Amino acid sequence: MKTMTSRKSLWVLLFIVIFWVSFTVFRNPSKIWVQFKLPVPLSHWNLLTTSLYPTVPLNLPVSPKGTELRVREVLEKLDQQIPPRPFTHLNTTTSATHSTATILNPRDTHCMGDKLDVLLEARDHLGRRKEYGGDFLRARMSSPALKAGASGKVTDFNNGTYLVSFTLFWEGTVALSVLLIHPSEGVSALWRARKQGYDRVIFTGRFVNGSSQVHTECALALNSSVELCQYLDAQDQEAFYCVKPPNVPCAALTHMHSKNIEVSYLSQQERSLFERSNIGVEIMGKSNVISVSKCNKEAVPTKERCKLGKASAVPSGHVWKNTWTPASCSLAPIKMKDCLRGKFIHLMGDSTIRQWMEYFKSSINTLRSVDLHETGKLQHQLAVDLDENINIQWTKHGYPFITLLAYSVKEMEYIARIIDRTGGEKNTVIVISLGQHFRPFPIDLFIRRALNVHKALQRLLLRSPDTMVVLKTENIREMSSDMERFSDFHGYTQYLALKDIFQDLNVGVIDAWDMTIAYGTNDVHPPQHVVGSQINIFLNYIC
């Protein structure tokens, strides 16, 4: 009798629960969704629909307090290096033609291994000496006949003078170059403009609802009075938004593409600084060729092998016969297939690290691509050699990902979440490259993403200290790019931020920034021999 009574009570309780849930859903269908944050397949993110009042801007999610404090700390360091430099006329900005470069202690013949210093005095277009620094300069030495090159180190005295130091790595005829990429006034304008908006690039999302498709505007931040889909990474509070299509669920988002729009935060006068004729102008002039000989110097002592965590010199190395030679360590010849045997290599990031995937596939003829039933060049890629137990894959990083090509977002994730799902062990290698797709947006977005990746790597290396991690910094890119969106100045500030953020982790760093300056590529996707040099360092790190 007691059993029958208890069963009846259970049925009554179940009926009450079902009635309450049904009533809640019919009264406010979105409320139950928001309250329980139901999981959906799309990138393992929580999707929230948000209805906004007119003229109320969408506030970005608030990251954990510690992360935000660190973001401000990194940003303040950069701010200190880039003071405001307003100008009233182009004539008062730095002129490469009127600036002077003087080789200190010149000789008929210089000795290999020595340092050579050049004093640069910045002047404006009227020939007047500049009283402050901040010009964005690029120093390089090269011998085209030897296919040799190296970057130079620029020291800014913040008074209009600079010391450019070159290490004479090889003998022969050497050409010295110091390019004025942007005057300090242009640098200040780019830095100010970068902080002002997310709308230089607009994204379009494709939603699929049965046999029909609908496209809506998407962005990292939207000012809109219409209902929005929020694709939120709950752990790190990073979000991406799309205008919600009528009668289509947020989880129906399948593809994305982007395009630049005609938005500028520069004045017309400032924009004149970024005409192609004003970018990358030579300062050295005609007296830029020197002769270098061995000078009967003692043999250079043998350097230790390059390894993970070893600090890099400045410059980090040089190119000779199109082959990279590090300055502070040595590279051993390594057979790629032997090195990768038994290893799981996960490449994460942009198309510059996807070049590695293509290089591996072209260099190891036994690697077989696995059809993951995705479409397009930006699909997740996997290549395996079952006999040698080699597994290499490339995954694009999470939003923002800028391209005119439509790409699937169904499997798209933030790098930090992929790292958190990685077990890790001595044969697991993670390679990360971030930067190019973040240049058009406020830099705090990049700093926050780098910090979240850093935290995920800390967790990984705590639970699996044998896992190997390698960071590839950004490549320099074309000088014909839209400077407000993609200037190498934006890449350089991200390069500085990345070095600051990851300095405490035992990871390998491939200084692609310095390498691509040395090679003189000026191409976001450098040629195969440059990619091969990056991978040769990588192989020395892991084998």
Protein backbone atom coordinates (compact mmCIF):
# COMPACT_ATOMS: atom_id res chain seq x y z
CA MET A 1 0.00 0.00 0.00
CA LYS A 2 2.86 2.34 0.90
CA THR A 3 4.54 1.51 -2.43
CA MET A 4 1.42 2.45 -4.41
CA THR A 5 1.11 5.74 -2.48
CA SER A 6 4.76 6.64 -3.11
CA ARG A 7 4.40 5.85 -6.83
CA LYS A 8 1.31 8.06 -7.00
CA SER A 9 3.26 10.89 -5.31
CA LEU A 10 6.06 10.54 -7.84
CA TRP A 11 3.60 10.76 -10.74
CA VAL A 12 2.02 13.88 -9.23
CA LEU A 13 5.46 15.50 -8.76
CA LEU A 14 6.47 14.63 -12.34
CA PHE A 15 3.22 16.15 -13.69
CA ILE A 16 3.89 19.40 -11.77
CA VAL A 17 7.45 19.66 -13.15
CA ILE A 18 6.27 19.02 -16.74
CA PHE A 19 3.50 21.60 -16.36
CA TRP A 20 5.91 24.23 -14.97
CA VAL A 21 8.47 23.72 -17.76
CA SER A 22 5.77 23.81 -20.45
CA PHE A 23 4.26 26.95 -18.98
CA THR A 24 7.69 28.66 -18.81
CA VAL A 25 8.58 27.76 -22.39
CA PHE A 26 5.26 28.87 -23.90
CA ARG A 27 5.25 32.09 -21.91
CA ASN A 28 8.85 32.99 -22.82
CA PRO A 29 10.53 30.50 -25.18
CA SER A 30 13.91 32.20 -25.04
CA LYS A 31 14.05 32.30 -21.25
CA ILE A 32 14.59 28.58 -20.76
CA TRP A 33 17.33 28.70 -23.43
CA VAL A 34 19.17 31.53 -21.67
CA GLN A 35 18.73 30.10 -18.19
CA PHE A 36 20.14 26.67 -18.98
CA LYS A 37 22.59 27.73 -21.74
CA LEU A 38 21.79 24.60 -23.72
CA PRO A 39 24.83 23.23 -25.56
CA VAL A 40 24.84 23.25 -29.36
CA PRO A 41 27.20 21.65 -31.84
CA LEU A 42 28.46 25.00 -33.17
CA SER A 43 32.02 25.26 -31.89
CA HIS A 44 31.05 24.09 -28.38
CA TRP A 45 30.02 27.67 -27.60
CA ASN A 46 27.02 28.88 -25.65
CA LEU A 47 24.60 30.71 -27.95
CA LEU A 48 22.55 33.44 -26.37
CA THR A 49 19.95 35.59 -28.09
CA THR A 50 20.00 39.19 -26.95
CA SER A 51 17.41 41.84 -27.68
CA LEU A 52 18.80 45.37 -27.51
CA TYR A 53 17.15 48.72 -27.09
CA PRO A 54 17.71 51.26 -29.89
CA THR A 55 20.92 53.35 -29.65
CA VAL A 56 22.27 51.21 -26.81
CA PRO A 57 25.66 49.83 -27.90
CA LEU A 58 26.42 46.18 -27.36
CA ASN A 59 28.84 45.84 -24.49
CA LEU A 60 31.66 43.37 -24.97
CA PRO A 61 31.75 40.50 -22.46
CA VAL A 62 33.77 41.18 -19.34
CA SER A 63 36.84 38.96 -19.10
CA PRO A 64 38.12 37.70 -15.74
CA LYS A 65 39.53 40.53 -13.61
CA GLY A 66 43.11 39.23 -13.69
CA THR A 67 43.06 39.05 -17.49
CA GLU A 68 41.80 42.62 -17.82
CA LEU A 69 44.47 43.94 -15.47
CA ARG A 70 47.14 42.21 -17.55
CA VAL A 71 45.61 43.56 -20.79
CA ARG A 72 45.89 47.10 -19.40
CA GLU A 73 49.45 46.47 -18.25
CA VAL A 74 50.61 45.31 -21.71
CA LEU A 75 48.68 48.13 -23.40
CA GLU A 76 50.23 50.76 -21.10
CA LYS A 77 53.74 49.53 -21.99
CA LEU A 78 52.94 49.99 -25.67
CA ASP A 79 51.34 53.39 -25.06
CA GLN A 80 54.55 54.59 -23.42
CA GLN A 81 56.48 53.73 -26.57
CA ILE A 82 54.01 55.50 -28.91
CA PRO A 83 53.31 59.03 -27.64
CA PRO A 84 50.85 61.27 -29.53
CA ARG A 85 52.49 63.23 -32.38
CA PRO A 86 49.87 65.56 -33.89
CA PHE A 87 50.94 67.60 -36.91
CA THR A 88 49.55 70.53 -38.85
CA HIS A 89 51.27 70.02 -42.20
CA LEU A 90 53.03 67.26 -44.14
CA ASN A 91 56.17 69.43 -44.20
CA THR A 92 56.65 68.98 -40.43
CA THR A 93 56.69 65.16 -40.64
CA THR A 94 59.84 63.07 -41.00
CA SER A 95 61.33 63.04 -44.49
CA ALA A 96 63.53 60.13 -45.61
CA THR A 97 65.08 62.31 -48.31
CA HIS A 98 66.17 65.07 -45.90
CA SER A 99 67.19 62.75 -43.03
CA THR A 100 70.87 61.76 -42.86
CA ALA A 101 72.64 58.48 -42.13
CA THR A 102 76.34 58.43 -41.20
CA ILE A 103 78.47 55.31 -40.81
CA LEU A 104 80.47 55.65 -37.58
CA ASN A 105 84.16 54.72 -37.78
CA PRO A 106 84.10 54.02 -41.55
CA ARG A 107 86.87 51.90 -43.08
CA ASP A 108 87.88 50.73 -46.50
CA THR A 109 87.30 47.17 -45.33
CA HIS A 110 85.34 45.99 -42.33
CA CYS A 111 85.90 42.70 -40.54
CA MET A 112 83.45 39.82 -40.48
CA GLY A 113 81.89 39.42 -37.04
CA ASP A 114 82.29 43.08 -36.12
CA LYS A 115 79.48 45.49 -35.31
CA LEU A 116 78.88 48.42 -37.63
CA ASP A 117 76.96 51.42 -36.34
CA VAL A 118 75.07 54.03 -38.33
CA LEU A 119 73.92 57.31 -36.78
CA LEU A 120 70.64 58.51 -38.23
CA GLU A 121 69.38 62.07 -37.80
CA ALA A 122 65.72 62.56 -38.67
CA ARG A 123 64.71 65.77 -40.42
CA ASP A 124 61.39 67.06 -41.72
CA HIS A 125 60.52 68.01 -45.31
CA LEU A 126 61.92 71.49 -44.74
CA GLY A 127 65.26 70.05 -43.61
CA ARG A 128 64.77 70.93 -39.94
CA ARG A 129 66.10 68.52 -37.31
CA LYS A 130 63.37 66.52 -35.58
CA GLU A 131 63.30 66.91 -31.80
CA TYR A 132 61.47 63.67 -31.00
CA GLY A 133 61.64 60.04 -32.10
CA GLY A 134 59.02 57.39 -32.78
CA ASP A 135 59.63 56.85 -36.51
CA PHE A 136 58.92 53.28 -37.64
CA LEU A 137 62.20 52.22 -39.28
CA ARG A 138 63.36 48.95 -40.82
CA ALA A 139 67.09 48.23 -41.05
CA ARG A 140 68.51 45.48 -43.24
CA MET A 141 71.87 44.48 -44.70
CA SER A 142 72.06 42.27 -47.79
CA SER A 143 74.24 40.74 -50.50
CA PRO A 144 71.88 39.72 -53.32
CA ALA A 145 74.60 37.79 -55.20
CA LEU A 146 75.14 35.62 -52.10
CA LYS A 147 71.41 35.42 -51.32
CA ALA A 148 72.34 36.80 -47.91
CA GLY A 149 70.55 39.14 -45.56
CA ALA A 150 70.08 40.16 -41.90
CA SER A 151 68.10 42.73 -39.96
CA GLY A 152 69.69 45.62 -38.10
CA LYS A 153 68.90 46.75 -34.57
CA VAL A 154 67.41 50.25 -34.23
CA THR A 155 67.84 52.20 -30.98
CA ASP A 156 65.60 55.28 -30.64
CA PHE A 157 67.06 58.06 -28.45
CA ASN A 158 63.68 59.87 -28.53
CA ASN A 159 65.30 63.12 -29.66
CA GLY A 160 65.28 62.69 -33.44
CA THR A 161 68.46 60.57 -33.54
CA TYR A 162 68.74 56.80 -33.90
CA LEU A 163 71.58 54.31 -33.72
CA VAL A 164 71.31 51.49 -36.25
CA SER A 165 73.59 48.55 -35.47
CA PHE A 166 74.50 45.79 -37.92
CA THR A 167 76.38 42.57 -37.21
CA LEU A 168 78.65 41.74 -40.16
CA PHE A 169 77.84 38.04 -40.47
CA TRP A 170 79.48 37.30 -43.86
CA GLU A 171 82.28 38.53 -46.09
CA GLY A 172 81.82 40.25 -49.43
CA THR A 173 80.10 43.36 -50.71
CA VAL A 174 77.27 44.33 -48.38
CA ALA A 175 74.50 46.87 -48.97
CA LEU A 176 73.05 48.70 -45.95
CA SER A 177 69.44 49.86 -45.90
CA VAL A 178 67.32 51.86 -43.46
CA LEU A 179 63.74 52.34 -44.62
CA LEU A 180 61.34 54.90 -43.22
CA ILE A 181 58.21 52.75 -43.13
CA HIS A 182 56.13 55.44 -41.37
CA PRO A 183 57.09 58.79 -39.82
CA SER A 184 56.39 59.18 -36.11
CA GLU A 185 53.34 61.30 -36.95
CA GLY A 186 51.93 58.45 -39.05
CA VAL A 187 52.70 55.93 -36.29
CA SER A 188 50.81 58.08 -33.79
CA ALA A 189 47.84 58.39 -36.15
CA LEU A 190 47.69 54.62 -36.78
CA TRP A 191 47.89 53.88 -33.05
CA ARG A 192 45.08 56.34 -32.26
CA ALA A 193 42.89 55.12 -35.13
CA ARG A 194 43.33 51.46 -34.24
CA LYS A 195 41.74 52.00 -30.86
CA GLN A 196 38.58 53.54 -32.29
CA GLY A 197 36.48 50.79 -33.87
CA TYR A 198 35.76 47.23 -34.94
CA ASP A 199 34.03 48.16 -38.19
CA ARG A 200 36.87 48.35 -40.74
CA VAL A 201 36.02 44.75 -41.63
CA ILE A 202 32.47 43.47 -41.83
CA PHE A 203 31.50 39.79 -41.60
CA THR A 204 28.56 38.07 -43.25
CA GLY A 205 27.13 34.90 -41.72
CA ARG A 206 25.19 32.23 -43.61
CA PHE A 207 22.35 30.54 -41.74
CA VAL A 208 20.85 27.35 -43.15
CA ASN A 209 17.28 26.42 -42.26
CA GLY A 210 16.31 23.27 -44.11
CA SER A 211 16.46 24.03 -47.83
CA SER A 212 16.62 27.81 -47.38
CA GLN A 213 19.55 30.10 -46.59
CA VAL A 214 19.71 33.58 -45.16
CA HIS A 215 22.67 35.93 -44.71
CA THR A 216 23.05 38.50 -41.90
CA GLU A 217 25.68 40.93 -40.65
CA CYS A 218 28.13 39.65 -38.03
CA ALA A 219 30.94 41.31 -36.05
CA LEU A 220 33.06 41.32 -32.92
CA ALA A 221 30.83 44.15 -31.70
CA LEU A 222 27.49 45.33 -33.08
CA ASN A 223 25.48 48.46 -32.33
CA SER A 224 22.01 47.30 -33.18
CA SER A 225 18.46 47.47 -31.90
CA VAL A 226 17.56 44.14 -33.47
CA GLU A 227 17.81 40.73 -31.89
CA LEU A 228 21.35 39.28 -31.92
CA CYS A 229 22.93 35.86 -31.67
CA GLN A 230 25.85 35.83 -29.28
CA TYR A 231 28.44 33.09 -29.77
CA LEU A 232 30.13 33.12 -26.41
CA ASP A 233 33.17 31.28 -25.15
CA ALA A 234 31.96 30.94 -21.58
CA GLN A 235 35.35 30.28 -19.99
CA ASP A 236 37.28 33.25 -21.38
CA GLN A 237 34.25 35.46 -22.10
CA GLU A 238 35.20 36.10 -25.73
CA ALA A 239 32.22 36.62 -28.02
CA PHE A 240 31.18 37.07 -31.63
CA TYR A 241 27.79 38.37 -32.76
CA CYS A 242 25.41 38.01 -35.69
CA VAL A 243 22.07 39.68 -36.38
CA LYS A 244 19.53 36.91 -35.73
CA PRO A 245 17.51 35.95 -38.82
CA PRO A 246 13.74 35.87 -38.28
CA ASN A 247 12.42 32.41 -37.38
CA VAL A 248 15.89 30.83 -37.68
CA PRO A 249 17.79 29.56 -34.62
CA CYS A 250 21.25 30.92 -33.80
CA ALA A 251 22.62 27.38 -34.05
CA ALA A 252 21.84 27.39 -37.80
CA LEU A 253 24.96 29.51 -38.55
CA THR A 254 27.17 27.44 -40.87
CA HIS A 255 29.53 29.72 -42.86
CA MET A 256 31.21 33.10 -42.70
CA HIS A 257 33.09 35.48 -44.99
CA SER A 258 34.28 39.04 -44.67
CA LYS A 259 35.11 42.17 -46.63
CA ASN A 260 36.76 45.51 -45.98
CA ILE A 261 34.49 48.54 -45.84
CA GLU A 262 35.24 52.19 -46.48
CA VAL A 263 35.64 53.28 -42.89
CA SER A 264 38.59 55.36 -41.74
CA TYR A 265 39.50 56.96 -38.44
CA LEU A 266 42.29 58.98 -40.04
CA SER A 267 41.97 62.57 -41.21
CA GLN A 268 42.52 63.35 -44.88
CA GLN A 269 45.89 64.88 -44.00
CA GLU A 270 46.90 61.77 -42.05
CA ARG A 271 45.87 59.49 -44.91
CA SER A 272 48.34 61.30 -47.19
CA LEU A 273 51.15 59.81 -45.08
CA PHE A 274 50.10 56.33 -46.18
CA GLU A 275 50.19 56.78 -49.93
CA ARG A 276 52.43 54.11 -51.41
CA SER A 277 55.15 56.63 -52.37
CA ASN A 278 55.51 57.59 -48.69
CA ILE A 279 55.92 54.04 -47.37
CA GLY A 280 59.27 52.28 -47.03
CA VAL A 281 61.43 55.15 -48.36
CA GLU A 282 65.22 54.64 -48.24
CA ILE A 283 67.27 56.88 -45.93
CA MET A 284 70.79 55.52 -46.46
CA GLY A 285 71.32 57.07 -49.89
CA LYS A 286 74.16 56.11 -52.24
CA SER A 287 76.91 55.65 -49.62
CA ASN A 288 75.36 52.41 -48.43
CA VAL A 289 77.78 49.78 -49.75
CA ILE A 290 80.65 48.42 -47.64
CA SER A 291 83.30 45.72 -48.07
CA VAL A 292 83.67 42.96 -45.48
CA SER A 293 86.57 40.49 -45.19
CA LYS A 294 87.58 37.76 -42.73
CA CYS A 295 90.55 39.81 -41.40
CA ASN A 296 92.32 36.62 -40.22
CA LYS A 297 90.16 36.49 -37.12
CA GLU A 298 90.11 33.47 -34.85
CA ALA A 299 87.52 30.83 -35.64
CA VAL A 300 84.11 31.45 -34.11
CA PRO A 301 83.55 29.12 -31.11
CA THR A 302 81.06 26.32 -31.62
CA LYS A 303 77.55 27.28 -30.58
CA GLU A 304 75.24 24.95 -28.66
CA ARG A 305 72.32 23.34 -30.42
CA CYS A 306 69.07 25.32 -30.74
CA LYS A 307 66.47 24.13 -28.22
CA LEU A 308 63.13 25.07 -26.70
CA GLY A 309 63.20 28.00 -24.32
CA LYS A 310 66.58 29.38 -25.40
CA ALA A 311 66.59 33.20 -25.51
CA SER A 312 67.09 34.71 -28.96
CA ALA A 313 69.70 37.33 -29.84
CA VAL A 314 69.01 40.59 -31.72
CA PRO A 315 69.21 40.11 -34.63
CA SER A 316 68.20 36.47 -34.24
CA GLY A 317 70.32 35.30 -37.19
CA HIS A 318 71.11 35.81 -40.85
CA VAL A 319 70.42 34.33 -44.27
CA TRP A 320 73.26 33.00 -46.42
CA LYS A 321 72.63 31.16 -49.70
CA ASN A 322 68.92 31.36 -48.84
CA THR A 323 69.50 29.29 -45.69
CA TRP A 324 68.88 30.57 -42.17
CA THR A 325 71.70 30.57 -39.60
CA PRO A 326 70.73 31.52 -36.01
CA ALA A 327 72.99 33.94 -34.14
CA SER A 328 72.92 32.33 -30.68
CA CYS A 329 72.69 28.61 -31.43
CA SER A 330 73.36 26.08 -34.19
CA LEU A 331 71.05 24.05 -36.42
CA ALA A 332 71.83 20.41 -37.10
CA PRO A 333 70.86 18.70 -40.36
CA ILE A 334 67.72 16.70 -39.62
CA LYS A 335 65.77 14.27 -41.78
CA MET A 336 62.20 15.45 -41.58
CA LYS A 337 60.48 12.07 -41.76
CA ASP A 338 62.74 10.53 -39.11
CA CYS A 339 62.13 13.50 -36.81
CA LEU A 340 58.34 13.36 -37.17
CA ARG A 341 58.06 9.58 -36.72
CA GLY A 342 55.56 8.79 -33.96
CA LYS A 343 54.61 12.41 -33.42
CA PHE A 344 51.31 14.27 -33.35
CA ILE A 345 51.80 17.81 -34.71
CA HIS A 346 48.91 20.25 -34.26
CA LEU A 347 49.30 23.50 -36.21
CA MET A 348 46.89 26.19 -35.02
CA GLY A 349 46.39 29.65 -36.45
CA ASP A 350 46.28 31.52 -39.72
CA SER A 351 47.25 30.77 -43.31
CA THR A 352 50.95 31.46 -42.62
CA ILE A 353 51.05 28.33 -40.45
CA ARG A 354 48.87 26.49 -42.98
CA GLN A 355 51.86 26.98 -45.31
CA TRP A 356 53.71 24.60 -43.00
CA MET A 357 51.04 21.98 -43.58
CA GLU A 358 51.47 22.33 -47.33
CA TYR A 359 55.26 22.16 -46.96
CA PHE A 360 55.08 18.96 -44.90
CA LYS A 361 52.78 17.32 -47.45
CA SER A 362 55.05 18.26 -50.36
CA SER A 363 58.21 17.11 -48.51
CA ILE A 364 57.01 13.73 -47.20
CA ASN A 365 55.56 11.73 -50.07
CA THR A 366 54.08 9.09 -47.75
CA LEU A 367 51.81 11.61 -45.99
CA ARG A 368 48.20 11.10 -47.03
CA SER A 369 45.52 13.75 -46.67
CA VAL A 370 42.40 12.55 -44.87
CA ASP A 371 39.05 13.71 -46.26
CA LEU A 372 37.23 15.30 -43.34
CA HIS A 373 34.22 16.04 -45.55
CA GLU A 374 34.61 19.78 -45.31
CA THR A 375 34.93 22.18 -48.22
CA GLY A 376 37.20 25.03 -49.23
CA LYS A 377 40.83 25.91 -48.74
CA LEU A 378 40.23 26.98 -45.14
CA GLN A 379 38.89 23.63 -44.01
CA HIS A 380 40.47 21.73 -41.14
CA GLN A 381 43.32 19.67 -42.64
CA LEU A 382 44.69 16.31 -41.53
CA ALA A 383 47.56 14.31 -43.04
CA VAL A 384 48.82 10.97 -41.75
CA ASP A 385 51.50 8.39 -42.41
CA LEU A 386 50.12 5.22 -40.84
CA ASP A 387 53.33 3.23 -41.22
CA GLU A 388 55.45 5.86 -39.48
CA ASN A 389 52.67 6.93 -37.10
CA ILE A 390 52.88 10.59 -38.17
CA ASN A 391 49.81 12.75 -37.60
CA ILE A 392 49.82 16.42 -38.69
CA GLN A 393 46.82 18.69 -38.66
CA TRP A 394 46.03 22.36 -39.21
CA THR A 395 43.14 24.18 -37.55
CA LYS A 396 42.27 27.82 -38.19
CA HIS A 397 42.00 30.05 -35.16
CA GLY A 398 38.69 31.44 -33.91
CA TYR A 399 37.15 34.80 -34.78
CA PRO A 400 38.24 37.12 -36.27
CA PHE A 401 39.21 35.28 -39.46
CA ILE A 402 39.30 37.62 -42.45
CA THR A 403 38.76 36.35 -45.99
CA LEU A 404 36.48 36.87 -48.97
CA LEU A 405 36.17 33.07 -49.21
CA ALA A 406 33.29 31.50 -47.33
CA TYR A 407 34.51 29.15 -44.61
CA SER A 408 32.71 26.73 -42.34
CA VAL A 409 32.30 27.77 -38.71
CA LYS A 410 30.69 24.54 -37.54
CA GLU A 411 34.01 23.15 -36.31
CA MET A 412 35.57 26.54 -35.49
CA GLU A 413 36.98 27.00 -31.98
CA TYR A 414 39.23 29.30 -30.04
CA ILE A 415 42.77 27.97 -29.70
CA ALA A 416 42.57 27.97 -25.90
CA ARG A 417 39.69 25.47 -25.98
CA ILE A 418 41.56 23.14 -28.35
CA ILE A 419 44.57 23.25 -26.03
CA ASP A 420 42.32 22.46 -23.03
CA ARG A 421 41.11 19.31 -24.83
CA THR A 422 44.65 18.20 -25.66
CA GLY A 423 45.97 15.46 -23.40
CA GLY A 424 49.59 16.11 -24.32
CA GLU A 425 52.70 13.97 -23.87
CA LYS A 426 56.30 13.87 -25.12
CA ASN A 427 55.32 13.14 -28.73
CA THR A 428 52.67 15.86 -28.90
CA VAL A 429 53.77 19.16 -30.45
CA ILE A 430 51.61 22.30 -30.64
CA VAL A 431 52.52 25.13 -33.00
CA ILE A 432 50.64 28.45 -32.77
CA SER A 433 50.64 31.49 -35.04
CA LEU A 434 48.39 34.48 -34.35
CA GLY A 435 48.41 38.03 -35.63
CA GLN A 436 47.58 38.91 -39.24
CA HIS A 437 43.78 38.68 -38.83
CA PHE A 438 43.85 40.84 -35.68
CA ARG A 439 45.59 43.86 -37.24
CA PRO A 440 42.39 45.74 -38.30
CA PHE A 441 40.92 45.64 -34.78
CA PRO A 442 41.75 47.33 -31.45
CA ILE A 443 44.90 45.69 -30.09
CA ASP A 444 43.32 44.81 -26.75
CA LEU A 445 41.48 42.06 -28.66
CA PHE A 446 44.81 40.51 -29.68
CA ILE A 447 46.35 40.95 -26.22
CA ARG A 448 43.34 39.29 -24.58
CA ARG A 449 43.45 36.37 -27.04
CA ALA A 450 47.18 35.89 -26.49
CA LEU A 451 46.67 35.93 -22.71
CA ASN A 452 43.91 33.31 -22.96
CA VAL A 453 46.18 31.09 -25.06
CA HIS A 454 48.97 31.65 -22.52
CA LYS A 455 46.71 30.52 -19.66
CA ALA A 456 45.62 27.43 -21.61
CA LEU A 457 49.27 26.55 -22.27
CA GLN A 458 50.06 26.96 -18.57
CA ARG A 459 47.32 24.44 -17.78
CA LEU A 460 48.60 22.06 -20.48
CA LEU A 461 52.23 22.22 -19.35
CA LEU A 462 51.17 21.73 -15.73
CA ARG A 463 49.32 18.49 -16.48
CA SER A 464 51.71 17.38 -19.23
CA PRO A 465 55.13 19.06 -18.92
CA ASP A 466 56.62 16.89 -21.69
CA THR A 467 54.36 18.45 -24.34
CA MET A 468 56.33 20.65 -26.75
CA VAL A 469 54.97 24.09 -27.69
CA VAL A 470 56.30 26.36 -30.43
CA LEU A 471 55.18 29.92 -31.24
CA LYS A 472 55.69 31.36 -34.71
CA THR A 473 55.57 35.15 -34.77
CA GLU A 474 54.07 37.14 -37.64
CA ASN A 475 55.64 37.55 -41.08
CA ILE A 476 56.11 41.05 -42.45
CA ARG A 477 53.77 41.71 -45.35
CA GLU A 478 53.29 43.73 -48.53
CA MET A 479 53.88 47.49 -48.38
CA SER A 480 51.00 47.91 -50.83
CA SER A 481 48.49 46.72 -48.20
CA ASP A 482 45.87 49.05 -46.76
CA MET A 483 47.99 50.62 -44.02
CA GLU A 484 45.17 51.57 -41.68
CA ARG A 485 44.09 47.93 -41.52
CA PHE A 486 47.22 45.88 -42.18
CA SER A 487 50.35 48.00 -41.69
CA ASP A 488 53.39 46.16 -40.39
CA PHE A 489 53.38 48.71 -37.58
CA HIS A 490 50.26 46.93 -36.26
CA GLY A 491 52.10 43.63 -36.62
CA TYR A 492 55.13 45.01 -34.78
CA THR A 493 53.09 46.13 -31.75
CA GLN A 494 51.52 42.63 -31.64
CA TYR A 495 55.01 41.12 -31.94
CA LEU A 496 56.13 43.14 -28.89
CA ALA A 497 53.00 42.17 -26.95
CA LEU A 498 53.45 38.47 -27.75
CA LYS A 499 57.07 38.49 -26.57
CA ASP A 500 56.00 40.18 -23.33
CA ILE A 501 53.14 37.76 -22.66
CA PHE A 502 55.00 34.49 -23.36
CA GLN A 503 58.40 35.30 -21.88
CA ASP A 504 57.78 33.17 -18.78
CA LEU A 505 56.81 29.94 -20.60
CA ASN A 506 59.27 27.26 -21.68
CA VAL A 507 58.28 27.33 -25.33
CA GLY A 508 60.20 27.54 -28.58
CA VAL A 509 59.90 30.78 -30.53
CA ILE A 510 60.40 30.99 -34.27
CA ASP A 511 61.07 34.66 -34.90
CA ALA A 512 59.41 34.86 -38.30
CA TRP A 513 59.30 38.65 -37.97
CA ASP A 514 63.08 38.94 -37.90
CA MET A 515 63.53 36.15 -40.44
CA THR A 516 61.25 37.70 -43.05
CA ILE A 517 63.00 41.06 -42.63
CA ALA A 518 66.33 39.31 -43.21
CA TYR A 519 64.96 37.54 -46.30
CA GLY A 520 63.42 40.82 -47.49
CA THR A 521 60.21 39.05 -48.54
CA ASN A 522 57.55 41.75 -47.89
CA ASP A 523 54.98 39.02 -48.50
CA VAL A 524 52.47 37.73 -45.95
CA HIS A 525 52.94 34.29 -47.56
CA PRO A 526 56.71 34.06 -48.12
CA PRO A 527 58.21 31.64 -50.67
CA GLN A 528 58.94 27.98 -49.96
CA HIS A 529 62.62 28.41 -49.02
CA VAL A 530 61.61 30.83 -46.23
CA VAL A 531 58.94 28.43 -44.95
CA GLY A 532 61.53 25.65 -45.12
CA SER A 533 63.93 27.67 -42.95
CA GLN A 534 61.18 28.20 -40.35
CA ILE A 535 60.46 24.47 -40.32
CA ASN A 536 64.15 23.60 -40.02
CA ILE A 537 64.30 25.53 -36.73
CA PHE A 538 61.13 23.75 -35.63
CA LEU A 539 62.66 20.33 -36.35
CA ASN A 540 65.74 21.23 -34.32
CA TYR A 541 63.51 22.22 -31.42
CA ILE A 542 61.60 18.94 -31.29
CA CYS A 543 64.22 16.33 -32.29
